[in-house]
Amino acid sequence: MKNLTSIEEGKTNAVISYLTIIGTVVAIILNHSKKNEFASFHIRQMIGLNILSFLNQWIIFQYFGYLAFYIIGGITLVLWFIGFIGVIKDEERKIPIFGDHFQEWFKTF
């Protein structure tokens, strides 16, 4: 379990990262000067979810149509809720399927 003080210090940035792509960018900037591992964990999750959402809007929709768009969009929304609930509960809860990958791919954040 993470240090409770570390979680408290990073929670605001972690919550901000879940508030749209702009929130993710703001959280990255705020977390850059004083790295907090709890915030970084959730920022990495949201970078991945934002990319998944972008791919859904531009590629899935264009090539596979509305049905695939809505299915992937619904899955992305559920994954967002799982991550956000993790922040609220002070947990580093990886989102299913992609969480490990997001942590590895975006480890510089």
N, C-alpha and C. Protein backbone atom coordinates (compact mmCIF):
# COMPACT_ATOMS: atom_id res chain seq x y z
N MET A 1 0.84 -1.19 0.00
CA MET A 1 0.00 0.00 0.00
C MET A 1 0.88 1.24 0.00
N LYS A 2 0.44 2.22 -0.72
CA LYS A 2 1.18 3.47 -0.82
C LYS A 2 1.09 4.26 0.47
N ASN A 3 2.06 5.13 0.64
CA ASN A 3 2.08 6.04 1.76
C ASN A 3 0.85 6.95 1.68
N LEU A 4 0.08 7.04 2.75
CA LEU A 4 -1.15 7.82 2.76
C LEU A 4 -0.89 9.29 2.44
N THR A 5 0.21 9.84 2.92
CA THR A 5 0.56 11.23 2.63
C THR A 5 0.79 11.41 1.15
N SER A 6 1.46 10.46 0.52
CA SER A 6 1.72 10.53 -0.91
C SER A 6 0.41 10.52 -1.70
N ILE A 7 -0.53 9.69 -1.28
CA ILE A 7 -1.83 9.63 -1.95
C ILE A 7 -2.56 10.95 -1.81
N GLU A 8 -2.58 11.49 -0.59
CA GLU A 8 -3.27 12.76 -0.35
C GLU A 8 -2.66 13.89 -1.18
N GLU A 9 -1.34 13.90 -1.31
CA GLU A 9 -0.68 14.95 -2.09
C GLU A 9 -0.98 14.82 -3.58
N GLY A 10 -1.14 13.60 -4.07
CA GLY A 10 -1.34 13.40 -5.50
C GLY A 10 -2.79 13.27 -5.93
N LYS A 11 -3.70 13.20 -4.97
CA LYS A 11 -5.11 12.94 -5.31
C LYS A 11 -5.72 14.03 -6.18
N THR A 12 -5.43 15.27 -5.89
CA THR A 12 -6.00 16.36 -6.68
C THR A 12 -5.59 16.25 -8.15
N ASN A 13 -4.30 16.04 -8.40
CA ASN A 13 -3.84 15.88 -9.78
C ASN A 13 -4.44 14.64 -10.43
N ALA A 14 -4.60 13.57 -9.64
CA ALA A 14 -5.19 12.35 -10.18
C ALA A 14 -6.64 12.59 -10.59
N VAL A 15 -7.40 13.29 -9.77
CA VAL A 15 -8.79 13.59 -10.11
C VAL A 15 -8.85 14.50 -11.33
N ILE A 16 -7.99 15.51 -11.38
CA ILE A 16 -7.96 16.42 -12.53
C ILE A 16 -7.71 15.66 -13.82
N SER A 17 -6.86 14.63 -13.76
CA SER A 17 -6.53 13.89 -14.98
C SER A 17 -7.75 13.20 -15.58
N TYR A 18 -8.77 12.91 -14.79
CA TYR A 18 -9.98 12.25 -15.29
C TYR A 18 -10.99 13.23 -15.88
N LEU A 19 -10.70 14.51 -15.85
CA LEU A 19 -11.63 15.52 -16.36
C LEU A 19 -11.25 15.92 -17.79
N THR A 20 -11.59 15.12 -18.74
CA THR A 20 -11.36 15.33 -20.17
C THR A 20 -9.87 15.33 -20.51
N ILE A 21 -9.57 15.45 -21.77
CA ILE A 21 -8.18 15.48 -22.25
C ILE A 21 -7.48 16.73 -21.72
N ILE A 22 -8.19 17.81 -21.59
CA ILE A 22 -7.60 19.04 -21.06
C ILE A 22 -7.18 18.82 -19.60
N GLY A 23 -8.01 18.15 -18.83
CA GLY A 23 -7.65 17.83 -17.45
C GLY A 23 -6.42 16.95 -17.37
N THR A 24 -6.30 16.01 -18.30
CA THR A 24 -5.13 15.14 -18.33
C THR A 24 -3.87 15.95 -18.60
N VAL A 25 -3.95 16.87 -19.56
CA VAL A 25 -2.79 17.72 -19.88
C VAL A 25 -2.43 18.60 -18.69
N VAL A 26 -3.43 19.19 -18.05
CA VAL A 26 -3.18 20.03 -16.87
C VAL A 26 -2.54 19.20 -15.76
N ALA A 27 -3.04 17.98 -15.54
CA ALA A 27 -2.47 17.12 -14.50
C ALA A 27 -1.02 16.75 -14.81
N ILE A 28 -0.72 16.50 -16.08
CA ILE A 28 0.67 16.21 -16.48
C ILE A 28 1.57 17.39 -16.14
N ILE A 29 1.11 18.59 -16.47
CA ILE A 29 1.90 19.80 -16.20
C ILE A 29 2.09 20.01 -14.70
N LEU A 30 1.01 19.87 -13.94
CA LEU A 30 1.09 20.06 -12.48
C LEU A 30 1.96 19.00 -11.81
N ASN A 31 1.95 17.79 -12.36
CA ASN A 31 2.71 16.69 -11.76
C ASN A 31 4.17 16.69 -12.19
N HIS A 32 4.48 17.47 -13.21
CA HIS A 32 5.84 17.45 -13.77
C HIS A 32 6.89 17.97 -12.79
N SER A 33 6.59 19.08 -12.12
CA SER A 33 7.61 19.69 -11.25
C SER A 33 7.85 18.89 -9.98
N LYS A 34 6.80 18.33 -9.41
CA LYS A 34 6.94 17.53 -8.20
C LYS A 34 6.21 16.21 -8.43
N LYS A 35 6.95 15.24 -8.93
CA LYS A 35 6.36 13.93 -9.28
C LYS A 35 5.72 13.27 -8.07
N ASN A 36 4.52 12.81 -8.27
CA ASN A 36 3.82 12.04 -7.26
C ASN A 36 3.40 10.73 -7.93
N GLU A 37 3.78 9.60 -7.37
CA GLU A 37 3.54 8.31 -8.00
C GLU A 37 2.06 7.98 -8.12
N PHE A 38 1.26 8.36 -7.13
CA PHE A 38 -0.18 8.12 -7.20
C PHE A 38 -0.80 8.89 -8.36
N ALA A 39 -0.46 10.16 -8.49
CA ALA A 39 -0.96 10.97 -9.60
C ALA A 39 -0.44 10.43 -10.93
N SER A 40 0.84 10.08 -10.99
CA SER A 40 1.42 9.55 -12.22
C SER A 40 0.71 8.28 -12.67
N PHE A 41 0.37 7.41 -11.74
CA PHE A 41 -0.34 6.18 -12.07
C PHE A 41 -1.65 6.50 -12.79
N HIS A 42 -2.43 7.40 -12.22
CA HIS A 42 -3.73 7.72 -12.80
C HIS A 42 -3.59 8.54 -14.08
N ILE A 43 -2.58 9.36 -14.17
CA ILE A 43 -2.33 10.10 -15.41
C ILE A 43 -2.04 9.11 -16.54
N ARG A 44 -1.23 8.08 -16.28
CA ARG A 44 -0.93 7.07 -17.30
C ARG A 44 -2.20 6.34 -17.74
N GLN A 45 -3.07 6.02 -16.78
CA GLN A 45 -4.33 5.37 -17.13
C GLN A 45 -5.16 6.26 -18.06
N MET A 46 -5.20 7.55 -17.75
CA MET A 46 -6.02 8.47 -18.55
C MET A 46 -5.40 8.79 -19.90
N ILE A 47 -4.10 8.82 -20.00
CA ILE A 47 -3.48 9.00 -21.31
C ILE A 47 -3.94 7.86 -22.22
N GLY A 48 -3.88 6.65 -21.70
CA GLY A 48 -4.32 5.50 -22.48
C GLY A 48 -5.80 5.56 -22.84
N LEU A 49 -6.65 5.92 -21.90
CA LEU A 49 -8.08 6.01 -22.18
C LEU A 49 -8.39 7.12 -23.18
N ASN A 50 -7.66 8.23 -23.08
CA ASN A 50 -7.86 9.29 -24.06
C ASN A 50 -7.46 8.85 -25.46
N ILE A 51 -6.38 8.10 -25.57
CA ILE A 51 -5.97 7.58 -26.88
C ILE A 51 -7.01 6.59 -27.39
N LEU A 52 -7.50 5.72 -26.52
CA LEU A 52 -8.54 4.77 -26.92
C LEU A 52 -9.79 5.51 -27.40
N SER A 53 -10.17 6.55 -26.71
CA SER A 53 -11.33 7.35 -27.10
C SER A 53 -11.09 8.03 -28.46
N PHE A 54 -9.89 8.57 -28.63
CA PHE A 54 -9.54 9.21 -29.91
C PHE A 54 -9.62 8.20 -31.05
N LEU A 55 -9.04 7.01 -30.85
CA LEU A 55 -9.08 5.97 -31.88
C LEU A 55 -10.52 5.57 -32.19
N ASN A 56 -11.34 5.51 -31.16
CA ASN A 56 -12.74 5.16 -31.36
C ASN A 56 -13.44 6.21 -32.21
N GLN A 57 -13.18 7.47 -31.94
CA GLN A 57 -13.85 8.55 -32.66
C GLN A 57 -13.39 8.67 -34.10
N TRP A 58 -12.13 8.43 -34.35
CA TRP A 58 -11.60 8.68 -35.69
C TRP A 58 -11.42 7.44 -36.55
N ILE A 59 -11.10 6.31 -35.95
CA ILE A 59 -10.82 5.13 -36.76
C ILE A 59 -11.98 4.13 -36.69
N ILE A 60 -12.37 3.75 -35.50
CA ILE A 60 -13.44 2.75 -35.36
C ILE A 60 -14.71 3.25 -36.02
N PHE A 61 -15.09 4.48 -35.72
CA PHE A 61 -16.32 5.04 -36.29
C PHE A 61 -16.26 5.07 -37.81
N GLN A 62 -15.15 5.53 -38.36
CA GLN A 62 -15.02 5.68 -39.80
C GLN A 62 -15.04 4.34 -40.54
N TYR A 63 -14.37 3.34 -40.01
CA TYR A 63 -14.23 2.08 -40.73
C TYR A 63 -15.23 0.99 -40.31
N PHE A 64 -15.79 1.10 -39.10
CA PHE A 64 -16.66 0.03 -38.63
C PHE A 64 -18.09 0.51 -38.33
N GLY A 65 -18.32 1.80 -38.33
CA GLY A 65 -19.67 2.32 -38.20
C GLY A 65 -20.14 2.60 -36.78
N TYR A 66 -21.43 2.96 -36.73
CA TYR A 66 -22.04 3.40 -35.48
C TYR A 66 -22.04 2.32 -34.40
N LEU A 67 -22.39 1.10 -34.76
CA LEU A 67 -22.50 0.05 -33.75
C LEU A 67 -21.18 -0.17 -33.03
N ALA A 68 -20.10 -0.32 -33.77
CA ALA A 68 -18.78 -0.50 -33.15
C ALA A 68 -18.40 0.72 -32.34
N PHE A 69 -18.71 1.90 -32.87
CA PHE A 69 -18.42 3.16 -32.17
C PHE A 69 -19.10 3.19 -30.80
N TYR A 70 -20.38 2.83 -30.75
CA TYR A 70 -21.11 2.85 -29.49
C TYR A 70 -20.64 1.76 -28.53
N ILE A 71 -20.31 0.60 -29.06
CA ILE A 71 -19.82 -0.48 -28.20
C ILE A 71 -18.48 -0.10 -27.57
N ILE A 72 -17.54 0.35 -28.38
CA ILE A 72 -16.22 0.75 -27.86
C ILE A 72 -16.36 1.97 -26.95
N GLY A 73 -17.23 2.90 -27.31
CA GLY A 73 -17.46 4.07 -26.46
C GLY A 73 -18.01 3.68 -25.10
N GLY A 74 -18.94 2.72 -25.08
CA GLY A 74 -19.49 2.24 -23.82
C GLY A 74 -18.44 1.55 -22.97
N ILE A 75 -17.61 0.74 -23.61
CA ILE A 75 -16.53 0.07 -22.89
C ILE A 75 -15.56 1.09 -22.31
N THR A 76 -15.22 2.09 -23.10
CA THR A 76 -14.31 3.15 -22.64
C THR A 76 -14.90 3.89 -21.45
N LEU A 77 -16.18 4.16 -21.48
CA LEU A 77 -16.85 4.84 -20.37
C LEU A 77 -16.80 4.00 -19.10
N VAL A 78 -17.05 2.70 -19.23
CA VAL A 78 -16.99 1.81 -18.07
C VAL A 78 -15.56 1.79 -17.50
N LEU A 79 -14.56 1.73 -18.38
CA LEU A 79 -13.16 1.74 -17.93
C LEU A 79 -12.83 3.05 -17.22
N TRP A 80 -13.38 4.16 -17.74
CA TRP A 80 -13.17 5.47 -17.10
C TRP A 80 -13.74 5.44 -15.67
N PHE A 81 -14.96 4.92 -15.52
CA PHE A 81 -15.58 4.84 -14.19
C PHE A 81 -14.75 3.99 -13.24
N ILE A 82 -14.23 2.87 -13.72
CA ILE A 82 -13.41 2.00 -12.87
C ILE A 82 -12.17 2.76 -12.37
N GLY A 83 -11.52 3.48 -13.29
CA GLY A 83 -10.34 4.26 -12.90
C GLY A 83 -10.69 5.38 -11.93
N PHE A 84 -11.78 6.08 -12.21
CA PHE A 84 -12.18 7.21 -11.37
C PHE A 84 -12.58 6.73 -9.97
N ILE A 85 -13.26 5.62 -9.88
CA ILE A 85 -13.61 5.07 -8.57
C ILE A 85 -12.33 4.72 -7.81
N GLY A 86 -11.31 4.24 -8.53
CA GLY A 86 -10.03 3.96 -7.88
C GLY A 86 -9.43 5.21 -7.25
N VAL A 87 -9.51 6.34 -7.94
CA VAL A 87 -9.00 7.60 -7.39
C VAL A 87 -9.78 7.97 -6.13
N ILE A 88 -11.08 7.91 -6.22
CA ILE A 88 -11.92 8.29 -5.09
C ILE A 88 -11.62 7.41 -3.86
N LYS A 89 -11.35 6.13 -4.10
CA LYS A 89 -11.06 5.19 -3.01
C LYS A 89 -9.57 5.16 -2.64
N ASP A 90 -8.78 6.07 -3.19
CA ASP A 90 -7.34 6.14 -2.92
C ASP A 90 -6.61 4.86 -3.31
N GLU A 91 -7.01 4.26 -4.43
CA GLU A 91 -6.41 3.02 -4.90
C GLU A 91 -5.73 3.22 -6.25
N GLU A 92 -4.71 2.44 -6.49
CA GLU A 92 -4.11 2.39 -7.81
C GLU A 92 -4.71 1.17 -8.50
N ARG A 93 -5.92 1.33 -8.94
CA ARG A 93 -6.66 0.24 -9.57
C ARG A 93 -6.48 0.33 -11.09
N LYS A 94 -5.79 -0.66 -11.63
CA LYS A 94 -5.59 -0.70 -13.07
C LYS A 94 -6.90 -1.04 -13.76
N ILE A 95 -7.16 -0.35 -14.85
CA ILE A 95 -8.37 -0.67 -15.59
C ILE A 95 -8.19 -2.03 -16.27
N PRO A 96 -9.28 -2.78 -16.38
CA PRO A 96 -9.17 -4.11 -17.00
C PRO A 96 -8.66 -4.04 -18.43
N ILE A 97 -8.03 -5.08 -18.87
CA ILE A 97 -7.52 -5.31 -20.22
C ILE A 97 -6.30 -4.46 -20.54
N PHE A 98 -6.42 -3.14 -20.42
CA PHE A 98 -5.38 -2.23 -20.89
C PHE A 98 -4.49 -1.66 -19.81
N GLY A 99 -4.89 -1.74 -18.55
CA GLY A 99 -4.19 -1.06 -17.46
C GLY A 99 -2.70 -1.35 -17.37
N ASP A 100 -2.32 -2.62 -17.46
CA ASP A 100 -0.89 -2.96 -17.42
C ASP A 100 -0.14 -2.36 -18.59
N HIS A 101 -0.76 -2.40 -19.75
CA HIS A 101 -0.13 -1.83 -20.95
C HIS A 101 0.06 -0.32 -20.81
N PHE A 102 -0.97 0.36 -20.33
CA PHE A 102 -0.88 1.81 -20.17
C PHE A 102 0.24 2.18 -19.21
N GLN A 103 0.38 1.42 -18.13
CA GLN A 103 1.44 1.70 -17.16
C GLN A 103 2.81 1.52 -17.78
N GLU A 104 2.97 0.54 -18.62
CA GLU A 104 4.25 0.28 -19.29
C GLU A 104 4.53 1.28 -20.40
N TRP A 105 3.54 1.50 -21.26
CA TRP A 105 3.74 2.37 -22.43
C TRP A 105 4.00 3.82 -22.04
N PHE A 106 3.37 4.29 -20.99
CA PHE A 106 3.44 5.71 -20.62
C PHE A 106 4.22 5.93 -19.33
N LYS A 107 5.20 5.08 -19.06
CA LYS A 107 5.93 5.13 -17.79
C LYS A 107 6.74 6.40 -17.58
N THR A 108 6.94 7.20 -18.63
CA THR A 108 7.70 8.45 -18.47
C THR A 108 6.85 9.55 -17.85
N PHE A 109 5.54 9.34 -17.69
CA PHE A 109 4.67 10.38 -17.15
C PHE A 109 4.48 10.21 -15.67
